[in-house]
PDB file of N, CA and C in Angstrom:
ATOM      1  N   MET A   1      92.088  98.791  88.440  1.00  0.00           N
ATOM      2  CA  MET A   1      93.031  98.537  87.387  1.00  0.00           C
ATOM      3  C   MET A   1      92.536  97.520  86.399  1.00  0.00           C
ATOM      4  N   ARG A   2      91.906  96.405  86.954  1.00  0.00           N
ATOM      5  CA  ARG A   2      91.399  95.329  86.074  1.00  0.00           C
ATOM      6  C   ARG A   2      90.373  95.916  85.122  1.00  0.00           C
ATOM      7  N   GLU A   3      89.486  96.755  85.578  1.00  0.00           N
ATOM      8  CA  GLU A   3      88.411  97.317  84.751  1.00  0.00           C
ATOM      9  C   GLU A   3      89.080  98.131  83.550  1.00  0.00           C
ATOM     10  N   GLU A   4      90.087  98.916  83.828  1.00  0.00           N
ATOM     11  CA  GLU A   4      90.774  99.663  82.765  1.00  0.00           C
ATOM     12  C   GLU A   4      91.490  98.733  81.788  1.00  0.00           C
ATOM     13  N   ARG A   5      92.095  97.691  82.342  1.00  0.00           N
ATOM     14  CA  ARG A   5      92.843  96.762  81.504  1.00  0.00           C
ATOM     15  C   ARG A   5      91.896  96.063  80.525  1.00  0.00           C
ATOM     16  N   VAL A   6      90.726  95.611  81.001  1.00  0.00           N
ATOM     17  CA  VAL A   6      89.743  94.944  80.155  1.00  0.00           C
ATOM     18  C   VAL A   6      89.162  95.925  79.139  1.00  0.00           C
ATOM     19  N   ARG A   7      88.858  97.137  79.646  1.00  0.00           N
ATOM     20  CA  ARG A   7      88.352  98.179  78.718  1.00  0.00           C
ATOM     21  C   ARG A   7      89.334  98.472  77.573  1.00  0.00           C
ATOM     22  N   ALA A   8      90.626  98.386  77.876  1.00  0.00           N
ATOM     23  CA  ALA A   8      91.650  98.606  76.884  1.00  0.00           C
ATOM     24  C   ALA A   8      91.916  97.372  76.033  1.00  0.00           C
ATOM     25  N   ASN A   9      91.244  96.292  76.371  1.00  0.00           N
ATOM     26  CA  ASN A   9      91.348  94.997  75.670  1.00  0.00           C
ATOM     27  C   ASN A   9      92.816  94.502  75.726  1.00  0.00           C
ATOM     28  N   LYS A  10      93.374  94.607  76.904  1.00  0.00           N
ATOM     29  CA  LYS A  10      94.761  94.085  77.171  1.00  0.00           C
ATOM     30  C   LYS A  10      94.665  92.858  78.099  1.00  0.00           C
ATOM     31  N   THR A  11      95.581  91.978  77.895  1.00  0.00           N
ATOM     32  CA  THR A  11      95.640  90.819  78.809  1.00  0.00           C
ATOM     33  C   THR A  11      96.577  91.131  79.973  1.00  0.00           C
ATOM     34  N   GLN A  12      96.586  90.275  80.973  1.00  0.00           N
ATOM     35  CA  GLN A  12      97.561  90.455  82.066  1.00  0.00           C
ATOM     36  C   GLN A  12      98.964  90.276  81.592  1.00  0.00           C
ATOM     37  N   VAL A  13      99.147  89.400  80.593  1.00  0.00           N
ATOM     38  CA  VAL A  13     100.486  89.205  80.007  1.00  0.00           C
ATOM     39  C   VAL A  13     101.011  90.469  79.328  1.00  0.00           C
ATOM     40  N   GLN A  14     100.075  91.095  78.543  1.00  0.00           N
ATOM     41  CA  GLN A  14     100.470  92.334  77.842  1.00  0.00           C
ATOM     42  C   GLN A  14     100.760  93.446  78.794  1.00  0.00           C
ATOM     43  N   LEU A  15      99.956  93.620  79.843  1.00  0.00           N
ATOM     44  CA  LEU A  15     100.205  94.664  80.807  1.00  0.00           C
ATOM     45  C   LEU A  15     101.526  94.369  81.554  1.00  0.00           C
ATOM     46  N   GLY A  16     101.756  93.143  81.923  1.00  0.00           N
ATOM     47  CA  GLY A  16     102.992  92.741  82.579  1.00  0.00           C
ATOM     48  C   GLY A  16     104.196  93.054  81.746  1.00  0.00           C
ATOM     49  N   ALA A  17     104.131  92.755  80.454  1.00  0.00           N
ATOM     50  CA  ALA A  17     105.247  92.992  79.558  1.00  0.00           C
ATOM     51  C   ALA A  17     105.510  94.514  79.468  1.00  0.00           C
ATOM     52  N   HIS A  18     104.461  95.308  79.464  1.00  0.00           N
ATOM     53  CA  HIS A  18     104.587  96.787  79.417  1.00  0.00           C
ATOM     54  C   HIS A  18     105.291  97.325  80.730  1.00  0.00           C
ATOM     55  N   LEU A  19     104.974  96.679  81.823  1.00  0.00           N
ATOM     56  CA  LEU A  19     105.471  97.088  83.150  1.00  0.00           C
ATOM     57  C   LEU A  19     106.855  96.446  83.474  1.00  0.00           C
ATOM     58  N   GLY A  20     107.134  95.415  82.766  1.00  0.00           N
ATOM     59  CA  GLY A  20     108.353  94.656  83.014  1.00  0.00           C
ATOM     60  C   GLY A  20     108.218  93.739  84.210  1.00  0.00           C
ATOM     61  N   VAL A  21     106.985  93.184  84.374  1.00  0.00           N
ATOM     62  CA  VAL A  21     106.705  92.244  85.471  1.00  0.00           C
ATOM     63  C   VAL A  21     105.973  91.033  84.831  1.00  0.00           C
ATOM     64  N   THR A  22     105.846  89.967  85.633  1.00  0.00           N
ATOM     65  CA  THR A  22     105.100  88.799  85.126  1.00  0.00           C
ATOM     66  C   THR A  22     103.606  89.002  85.248  1.00  0.00           C
ATOM     67  N   PHE A  23     102.859  88.157  84.503  1.00  0.00           N
ATOM     68  CA  PHE A  23     101.397  88.281  84.631  1.00  0.00           C
ATOM     69  C   PHE A  23     100.912  87.913  86.011  1.00  0.00           C
ATOM     70  N   GLN A  24     101.697  87.026  86.732  1.00  0.00           N
ATOM     71  CA  GLN A  24     101.342  86.711  88.097  1.00  0.00           C
ATOM     72  C   GLN A  24     101.377  87.939  88.994  1.00  0.00           C
ATOM     73  N   GLN A  25     102.408  88.833  88.712  1.00  0.00           N
ATOM     74  CA  GLN A  25     102.513  90.084  89.470  1.00  0.00           C
ATOM     75  C   GLN A  25     101.304  90.990  89.181  1.00  0.00           C
ATOM     76  N   VAL A  26     100.893  91.016  87.924  1.00  0.00           N
ATOM     77  CA  VAL A  26      99.716  91.810  87.556  1.00  0.00           C
ATOM     78  C   VAL A  26      98.454  91.279  88.288  1.00  0.00           C
ATOM     79  N   GLN A  27      98.357  89.942  88.361  1.00  0.00           N
ATOM     80  CA  GLN A  27      97.225  89.337  89.106  1.00  0.00           C
ATOM     81  C   GLN A  27      97.269  89.812  90.575  1.00  0.00           C
ATOM     82  N   LYS A  28      98.441  89.825  91.172  1.00  0.00           N
ATOM     83  CA  LYS A  28      98.552  90.256  92.571  1.00  0.00           C
ATOM     84  C   LYS A  28      98.165  91.685  92.706  1.00  0.00           C
ATOM     85  N   TYR A  29      98.580  92.555  91.735  1.00  0.00           N
ATOM     86  CA  TYR A  29      98.217  93.953  91.819  1.00  0.00           C
ATOM     87  C   TYR A  29      96.703  94.084  91.724  1.00  0.00           C
ATOM     88  N   GLU A  30      96.053  93.308  90.827  1.00  0.00           N
ATOM     89  CA  GLU A  30      94.640  93.435  90.653  1.00  0.00           C
ATOM     90  C   GLU A  30      93.836  92.946  91.826  1.00  0.00           C
ATOM     91  N   ARG A  31      94.350  91.920  92.472  1.00  0.00           N
ATOM     92  CA  ARG A  31      93.651  91.372  93.660  1.00  0.00           C
ATOM     93  C   ARG A  31      93.961  92.187  94.933  1.00  0.00           C
ATOM     94  N   GLY A  32      94.944  93.087  94.864  1.00  0.00           N
ATOM     95  CA  GLY A  32      95.288  93.804  96.015  1.00  0.00           C
ATOM     96  C   GLY A  32      96.214  93.126  96.966  1.00  0.00           C
ATOM     97  N   VAL A  33      96.812  91.995  96.528  1.00  0.00           N
ATOM     98  CA  VAL A  33      97.757  91.238  97.296  1.00  0.00           C
ATOM     99  C   VAL A  33      99.090  91.984  97.463  1.00  0.00           C
ATOM    100  N   ASN A  34      99.552  92.599  96.412  1.00  0.00           N
ATOM    101  CA  ASN A  34     100.783  93.388  96.378  1.00  0.00           C
ATOM    102  C   ASN A  34     100.401  94.892  96.100  1.00  0.00           C
ATOM    103  N   ARG A  35     101.132  95.742  96.757  1.00  0.00           N
ATOM    104  CA  ARG A  35     100.937  97.153  96.539  1.00  0.00           C
ATOM    105  C   ARG A  35     101.558  97.593  95.198  1.00  0.00           C
ATOM    106  N   ILE A  36     101.024  98.623  94.635  1.00  0.00           N
ATOM    107  CA  ILE A  36     101.589  99.202  93.367  1.00  0.00           C
ATOM    108  C   ILE A  36     102.238 100.507  93.727  1.00  0.00           C
ATOM    109  N   SER A  37     103.473 100.654  93.301  1.00  0.00           N
ATOM    110  CA  SER A  37     104.233 101.892  93.596  1.00  0.00           C
ATOM    111  C   SER A  37     103.591 103.008  92.752  1.00  0.00           C
ATOM    112  N   ALA A  38     103.862 104.216  93.190  1.00  0.00           N
ATOM    113  CA  ALA A  38     103.323 105.424  92.480  1.00  0.00           C
ATOM    114  C   ALA A  38     103.812 105.462  91.076  1.00  0.00           C
ATOM    115  N   ALA A  39     105.099 105.109  90.910  1.00  0.00           N
ATOM    116  CA  ALA A  39     105.724 105.121  89.547  1.00  0.00           C
ATOM    117  C   ALA A  39     105.015 104.126  88.619  1.00  0.00           C
ATOM    118  N   THR A  40     104.729 102.940  89.112  1.00  0.00           N
ATOM    119  CA  THR A  40     104.063 101.912  88.351  1.00  0.00           C
ATOM    120  C   THR A  40     102.629 102.289  88.056  1.00  0.00           C
ATOM    121  N   LEU A  41     101.972 102.877  89.049  1.00  0.00           N
ATOM    122  CA  LEU A  41     100.573 103.282  88.860  1.00  0.00           C
ATOM    123  C   LEU A  41     100.511 104.405  87.734  1.00  0.00           C
ATOM    124  N   HIS A  42     101.538 105.303  87.790  1.00  0.00           N
ATOM    125  CA  HIS A  42     101.624 106.354  86.784  1.00  0.00           C
ATOM    126  C   HIS A  42     101.771 105.752  85.376  1.00  0.00           C
ATOM    127  N   ARG A  43     102.612 104.721  85.222  1.00  0.00           N
ATOM    128  CA  ARG A  43     102.834 104.078  83.950  1.00  0.00           C
ATOM    129  C   ARG A  43     101.542 103.406  83.442  1.00  0.00           C
ATOM    130  N   ILE A  44     100.818 102.788  84.385  1.00  0.00           N
ATOM    131  CA  ILE A  44      99.509 102.131  84.066  1.00  0.00           C
ATOM    132  C   ILE A  44      98.517 103.171  83.603  1.00  0.00           C
ATOM    133  N   ALA A  45      98.436 104.291  84.324  1.00  0.00           N
ATOM    134  CA  ALA A  45      97.526 105.335  83.921  1.00  0.00           C
ATOM    135  C   ALA A  45      97.809 105.937  82.579  1.00  0.00           C
ATOM    136  N   GLU A  46      99.077 106.102  82.241  1.00  0.00           N
ATOM    137  CA  GLU A  46      99.514 106.581  80.951  1.00  0.00           C
ATOM    138  C   GLU A  46      99.159 105.591  79.873  1.00  0.00           C
ATOM    139  N   LEU A  47      99.385 104.315  80.084  1.00  0.00           N
ATOM    140  CA  LEU A  47      99.055 103.259  79.101  1.00  0.00           C
ATOM    141  C   LEU A  47      97.582 103.266  78.799  1.00  0.00           C
ATOM    142  N   PHE A  48      96.750 103.383  79.838  1.00  0.00           N
ATOM    143  CA  PHE A  48      95.254 103.300  79.662  1.00  0.00           C
ATOM    144  C   PHE A  48      94.661 104.677  79.334  1.00  0.00           C
ATOM    145  N   GLU A  49      95.544 105.722  79.350  1.00  0.00           N
ATOM    146  CA  GLU A  49      95.098 107.093  79.089  1.00  0.00           C
ATOM    147  C   GLU A  49      94.012 107.537  80.028  1.00  0.00           C
ATOM    148  N   VAL A  50      94.184 107.308  81.330  1.00  0.00           N
ATOM    149  CA  VAL A  50      93.244 107.726  82.341  1.00  0.00           C
ATOM    150  C   VAL A  50      94.061 108.483  83.430  1.00  0.00           C
ATOM    151  N   PRO A  51      93.381 109.345  84.166  1.00  0.00           N
ATOM    152  CA  PRO A  51      94.052 110.049  85.309  1.00  0.00           C
ATOM    153  C   PRO A  51      94.356 109.029  86.385  1.00  0.00           C
ATOM    154  N   MET A  52      95.472 109.208  87.098  1.00  0.00           N
ATOM    155  CA  MET A  52      95.800 108.346  88.219  1.00  0.00           C
ATOM    156  C   MET A  52      94.686 108.316  89.259  1.00  0.00           C
ATOM    157  N   ALA A  53      93.997 109.407  89.433  1.00  0.00           N
ATOM    158  CA  ALA A  53      92.908 109.470  90.408  1.00  0.00           C
ATOM    159  C   ALA A  53      91.796 108.484  90.160  1.00  0.00           C
ATOM    160  N   SER A  54      91.694 108.075  88.892  1.00  0.00           N
ATOM    161  CA  SER A  54      90.608 107.120  88.559  1.00  0.00           C
ATOM    162  C   SER A  54      90.752 105.753  89.230  1.00  0.00           C
ATOM    163  N   PHE A  55      91.938 105.462  89.752  1.00  0.00           N
ATOM    164  CA  PHE A  55      92.180 104.212  90.474  1.00  0.00           C
ATOM    165  C   PHE A  55      91.865 104.297  91.929  1.00  0.00           C
ATOM    166  N   PHE A  56      91.490 105.446  92.417  1.00  0.00           N
ATOM    167  CA  PHE A  56      91.210 105.595  93.838  1.00  0.00           C
ATOM    168  C   PHE A  56      89.720 105.868  94.102  1.00  0.00           C
ATOM    169  N   ALA A  57      89.198 105.208  95.117  1.00  0.00           N
ATOM    170  CA  ALA A  57      87.793 105.500  95.559  1.00  0.00           C
ATOM    171  C   ALA A  57      87.811 106.846  96.278  1.00  0.00           C
ATOM    172  N   GLU A  58      86.693 107.508  96.243  1.00  0.00           N
ATOM    173  CA  GLU A  58      86.615 108.780  96.994  1.00  0.00           C
ATOM    174  C   GLU A  58      86.829 108.559  98.448  1.00  0.00           C
ATOM    175  N   ASP A  59      86.289 107.519  98.996  1.00  0.00           N
ATOM    176  CA  ASP A  59      86.442 107.167 100.391  1.00  0.00           C
ATOM    177  C   ASP A  59      87.142 105.805 100.396  1.00  0.00           C
ATOM    178  N   PRO A  60      88.429 105.729 100.768  1.00  0.00           N
ATOM    179  CA  PRO A  60      89.195 104.462 100.682  1.00  0.00           C
ATOM    180  C   PRO A  60      88.524 103.301 101.367  1.00  0.00           C
ATOM    181  N   GLY A  61      87.726 103.531 102.426  1.00  0.00           N
ATOM    182  CA  GLY A  61      87.089 102.411 103.151  1.00  0.00           C
ATOM    183  C   GLY A  61      85.771 102.018 102.553  1.00  0.00           C
ATOM    184  N   GLU A  62      85.342 102.770 101.549  1.00  0.00           N
ATOM    185  CA  GLU A  62      84.019 102.554 101.005  1.00  0.00           C
ATOM    186  C   GLU A  62      83.991 101.451  99.929  1.00  0.00           C
ATOM    187  N   ALA A  63      83.102 100.532 100.049  1.00  0.00           N
ATOM    188  CA  ALA A  63      82.913  99.525  99.008  1.00  0.00           C
ATOM    189  C   ALA A  63      81.997 100.026  97.932  1.00  0.00           C
ATOM    190  N   PRO A  64      82.024  99.455  96.737  1.00  0.00           N
ATOM    191  CA  PRO A  64      81.108  99.931  95.742  1.00  0.00           C
ATOM    192  C   PRO A  64      79.658  99.721  96.181  1.00  0.00           C
ATOM    193  N   ALA A  65      78.798 100.678  95.761  1.00  0.00           N
ATOM    194  CA  ALA A  65      77.404 100.625  96.212  1.00  0.00           C
ATOM    195  C   ALA A  65      76.699  99.372  95.667  1.00  0.00           C
ATOM    196  N   SER A  66      77.042  98.986  94.474  1.00  0.00           N
ATOM    197  CA  SER A  66      76.471  97.758  93.905  1.00  0.00           C
ATOM    198  C   SER A  66      77.536  97.026  93.145  1.00  0.00           C
ATOM    199  N   PRO A  67      77.351  95.761  92.917  1.00  0.00           N
ATOM    200  CA  PRO A  67      78.358  94.962  92.208  1.00  0.00           C
ATOM    201  C   PRO A  67      78.509  95.524  90.750  1.00  0.00           C
ATOM    202  N   THR A  68      79.718  95.362  90.227  1.00  0.00           N
ATOM    203  CA  THR A  68      79.904  95.751  88.874  1.00  0.00           C
ATOM    204  C   THR A  68      80.238  94.468  88.089  1.00  0.00           C
ATOM    205  N   ILE A  69      80.291  94.517  86.810  1.00  0.00           N
ATOM    206  CA  ILE A  69      80.587  93.331  85.981  1.00  0.00           C
ATOM    207  C   ILE A  69      81.943  92.752  86.377  1.00  0.00           C
ATOM    208  N   PHE A  70      82.834  93.581  86.869  1.00  0.00           N
ATOM    209  CA  PHE A  70      84.203  93.125  87.189  1.00  0.00           C
ATOM    210  C   PHE A  70      84.320  92.587  88.557  1.00  0.00           C
ATOM    211  N   THR A  71      83.256  92.720  89.421  1.00  0.00           N
ATOM    212  CA  THR A  71      83.309  92.201  90.761  1.00  0.00           C
ATOM    213  C   THR A  71      82.531  90.877  90.952  1.00  0.00           C
ATOM    214  N   VAL A  72      81.845  90.471  89.866  1.00  0.00           N
ATOM    215  CA  VAL A  72      81.123  89.210  89.985  1.00  0.00           C
ATOM    216  C   VAL A  72      81.888  88.091  89.291  1.00  0.00           C
ATOM    217  N   ARG A  73      81.764  86.909  89.802  1.00  0.00           N
ATOM    218  CA  ARG A  73      82.503  85.748  89.249  1.00  0.00           C
ATOM    219  C   ARG A  73      82.143  85.582  87.770  1.00  0.00           C
ATOM    220  N   GLY A  74      83.164  85.513  86.917  1.00  0.00           N
ATOM    221  CA  GLY A  74      82.983  85.301  85.479  1.00  0.00           C
ATOM    222  C   GLY A  74      82.694  86.627  84.694  1.00  0.00           C
ATOM    223  N   GLY A  75      82.580  87.725  85.359  1.00  0.00           N
ATOM    224  CA  GLY A  75      82.298  88.979  84.752  1.00  0.00           C
ATOM    225  C   GLY A  75      83.372  89.390  83.747  1.00  0.00           C
ATOM    226  N   GLU A  76      84.583  89.301  84.179  1.00  0.00           N
ATOM    227  CA  GLU A  76      85.658  89.716  83.240  1.00  0.00           C
ATOM    228  C   GLU A  76      85.720  88.792  82.008  1.00  0.00           C
ATOM    229  N   GLN A  77      85.536  87.491  82.227  1.00  0.00           N
ATOM    230  CA  GLN A  77      85.527  86.580  81.076  1.00  0.00           C
ATOM    231  C   GLN A  77      84.338  86.891  80.130  1.00  0.00           C
ATOM    232  N   LEU A  78      83.225  87.236  80.746  1.00  0.00           N
ATOM    233  CA  LEU A  78      82.012  87.556  79.932  1.00  0.00           C
ATOM    234  C   LEU A  78      82.296  88.765  79.064  1.00  0.00           C
ATOM    235  N   VAL A  79      82.857  89.840  79.622  1.00  0.00           N
ATOM    236  CA  VAL A  79      83.208  91.017  78.837  1.00  0.00           C
ATOM    237  C   VAL A  79      84.210  90.729  77.741  1.00  0.00           C
ATOM    238  N   THR A  80      85.242  90.025  78.078  1.00  0.00           N
ATOM    239  CA  THR A  80      86.246  89.674  77.086  1.00  0.00           C
ATOM    240  C   THR A  80      85.664  88.848  75.921  1.00  0.00           C
ATOM    241  N   SER A  81      84.825  87.901  76.230  1.00  0.00           N
ATOM    242  CA  SER A  81      84.208  87.105  75.190  1.00  0.00           C
ATOM    243  C   SER A  81      83.261  87.907  74.383  1.00  0.00           C
ATOM    244  N   PHE A  82      82.444  88.789  75.033  1.00  0.00           N
ATOM    245  CA  PHE A  82      81.490  89.620  74.355  1.00  0.00           C
ATOM    246  C   PHE A  82      82.159  90.535  73.344  1.00  0.00           C
ATOM    247  N   LEU A  83      83.280  91.072  73.697  1.00  0.00           N
ATOM    248  CA  LEU A  83      84.016  91.952  72.785  1.00  0.00           C
ATOM    249  C   LEU A  83      84.512  91.277  71.500  1.00  0.00           C
ATOM    250  N   LYS A  84      84.662  89.956  71.582  1.00  0.00           N
ATOM    251  CA  LYS A  84      85.117  89.164  70.437  1.00  0.00           C
ATOM    252  C   LYS A  84      83.999  88.860  69.423  1.00  0.00           C
ATOM    253  N   LEU A  85      82.761  89.052  69.822  1.00  0.00           N
ATOM    254  CA  LEU A  85      81.619  88.709  68.992  1.00  0.00           C
ATOM    255  C   LEU A  85      81.362  89.784  67.935  1.00  0.00           C
ATOM    256  N   THR A  86      80.687  89.353  66.892  1.00  0.00           N
ATOM    257  CA  THR A  86      80.270  90.317  65.863  1.00  0.00           C
ATOM    258  C   THR A  86      79.199  91.181  66.455  1.00  0.00           C
ATOM    259  N   PRO A  87      78.968  92.362  65.915  1.00  0.00           N
ATOM    260  CA  PRO A  87      77.855  93.237  66.410  1.00  0.00           C
ATOM    261  C   PRO A  87      76.498  92.519  66.425  1.00  0.00           C
ATOM    262  N   GLU A  88      76.247  91.693  65.409  1.00  0.00           N
ATOM    263  CA  GLU A  88      74.974  91.007  65.350  1.00  0.00           C
ATOM    264  C   GLU A  88      74.809  89.998  66.540  1.00  0.00           C
ATOM    265  N   ARG A  89      75.866  89.288  66.808  1.00  0.00           N
ATOM    266  CA  ARG A  89      75.818  88.337  67.900  1.00  0.00           C
ATOM    267  C   ARG A  89      75.808  89.033  69.257  1.00  0.00           C
ATOM    268  N   GLN A  90      76.458  90.175  69.353  1.00  0.00           N
ATOM    269  CA  GLN A  90      76.383  91.010  70.600  1.00  0.00           C
ATOM    270  C   GLN A  90      74.939  91.366  70.848  1.00  0.00           C
ATOM    271  N   ALA A  91      74.220  91.841  69.782  1.00  0.00           N
ATOM    272  CA  ALA A  91      72.807  92.220  69.979  1.00  0.00           C
ATOM    273  C   ALA A  91      71.942  91.030  70.403  1.00  0.00           C
ATOM    274  N   ILE A  92      72.244  89.841  69.863  1.00  0.00           N
ATOM    275  CA  ILE A  92      71.469  88.645  70.236  1.00  0.00           C
ATOM    276  C   ILE A  92      71.729  88.333  71.704  1.00  0.00           C
ATOM    277  N   LEU A  93      72.992  88.440  72.148  1.00  0.00           N
ATOM    278  CA  LEU A  93      73.343  88.139  73.544  1.00  0.00           C
ATOM    279  C   LEU A  93      72.709  89.151  74.467  1.00  0.00           C
ATOM    280  N   VAL A  94      72.700  90.403  74.114  1.00  0.00           N
ATOM    281  CA  VAL A  94      72.069  91.414  74.972  1.00  0.00           C
ATOM    282  C   VAL A  94      70.577  91.171  75.090  1.00  0.00           C
ATOM    283  N   SER A  95      69.910  90.820  73.997  1.00  0.00           N
ATOM    284  CA  SER A  95      68.519  90.432  73.991  1.00  0.00           C
ATOM    285  C   SER A  95      68.238  89.234  74.923  1.00  0.00           C
ATOM    286  N   LEU A  96      69.061  88.240  74.788  1.00  0.00           N
ATOM    287  CA  LEU A  96      68.911  87.070  75.629  1.00  0.00           C
ATOM    288  C   LEU A  96      69.104  87.425  77.089  1.00  0.00           C
ATOM    289  N   ALA A  97      70.073  88.225  77.381  1.00  0.00           N
ATOM    290  CA  ALA A  97      70.338  88.619  78.825  1.00  0.00           C
ATOM    291  C   ALA A  97      69.157  89.402  79.368  1.00  0.00           C
ATOM    292  N   LYS A  98      68.559  90.285  78.574  1.00  0.00           N
ATOM    293  CA  LYS A  98      67.378  91.042  79.062  1.00  0.00           C
ATOM    294  C   LYS A  98      66.203  90.059  79.298  1.00  0.00           C
ATOM    295  N   GLU A  99      66.026  89.131  78.404  1.00  0.00           N
ATOM    296  CA  GLU A  99      64.889  88.145  78.591  1.00  0.00           C
ATOM    297  C   GLU A  99      65.103  87.309  79.813  1.00  0.00           C
ATOM    298  N   LEU A 100      66.325  86.858  80.039  1.00  0.00           N
ATOM    299  CA  LEU A 100      66.618  86.041  81.255  1.00  0.00           C
ATOM    300  C   LEU A 100      66.476  86.823  82.521  1.00  0.00           C
ATOM    301  N   ALA A 101      66.873  88.176  82.471  1.00  0.00           N
ATOM    302  CA  ALA A 101      66.682  89.010  83.662  1.00  0.00           C
ATOM    303  C   ALA A 101      65.231  89.247  83.949  1.00  0.00           C
ATOM    304  N   ASN A 102      64.424  89.415  82.957  1.00  0.00           N
ATOM    305  CA  ASN A 102      62.975  89.580  83.162  1.00  0.00           C
ATOM    306  C   ASN A 102      62.360  88.387  83.763  1.00  0.00           C
ATOM    307  N   GLU A 103      62.796  87.169  83.340  1.00  0.00           N
ATOM    308  CA  GLU A 103      62.243  85.934  83.893  1.00  0.00           C
ATOM    309  C   GLU A 103      62.670  85.781  85.361  1.00  0.00           C
ATOM    310  N   ALA A 104      63.872  86.255  85.713  1.00  0.00           N
ATOM    311  CA  ALA A 104      64.350  86.117  87.090  1.00  0.00           C
ATOM    312  C   ALA A 104      63.641  87.062  87.989  1.00  0.00           C
ATOM    313  N   ALA A 105      63.109  88.186  87.501  1.00  0.00           N
ATOM    314  CA  ALA A 105      62.528  89.238  88.364  1.00  0.00           C
ATOM    315  C   ALA A 105      61.130  88.834  88.830  1.00  0.00           C
TER     316      ALA A 105
END
């Protein structure tokens, strides 16, 4: 759910307002602390224009094969900040990230 929310450039406050819940409730949904009802999940899927099935792993017990930007600390903040940059600055940041990754390898 968090990945779709960030992709849609929505905050937890905005999603909460759409669902009629607080941003703290959205945080609990995203962390898996509270369950999401089918009706609420349907509203979220409609808002993000994705099928409900996209929120489910093929194997419920299966963890992602590799980390995603949304599962590493600071990843969500990085994406949110990146989207606010001009295309020129995005290109500079991508170039810098590639250079740093090459140095780390």
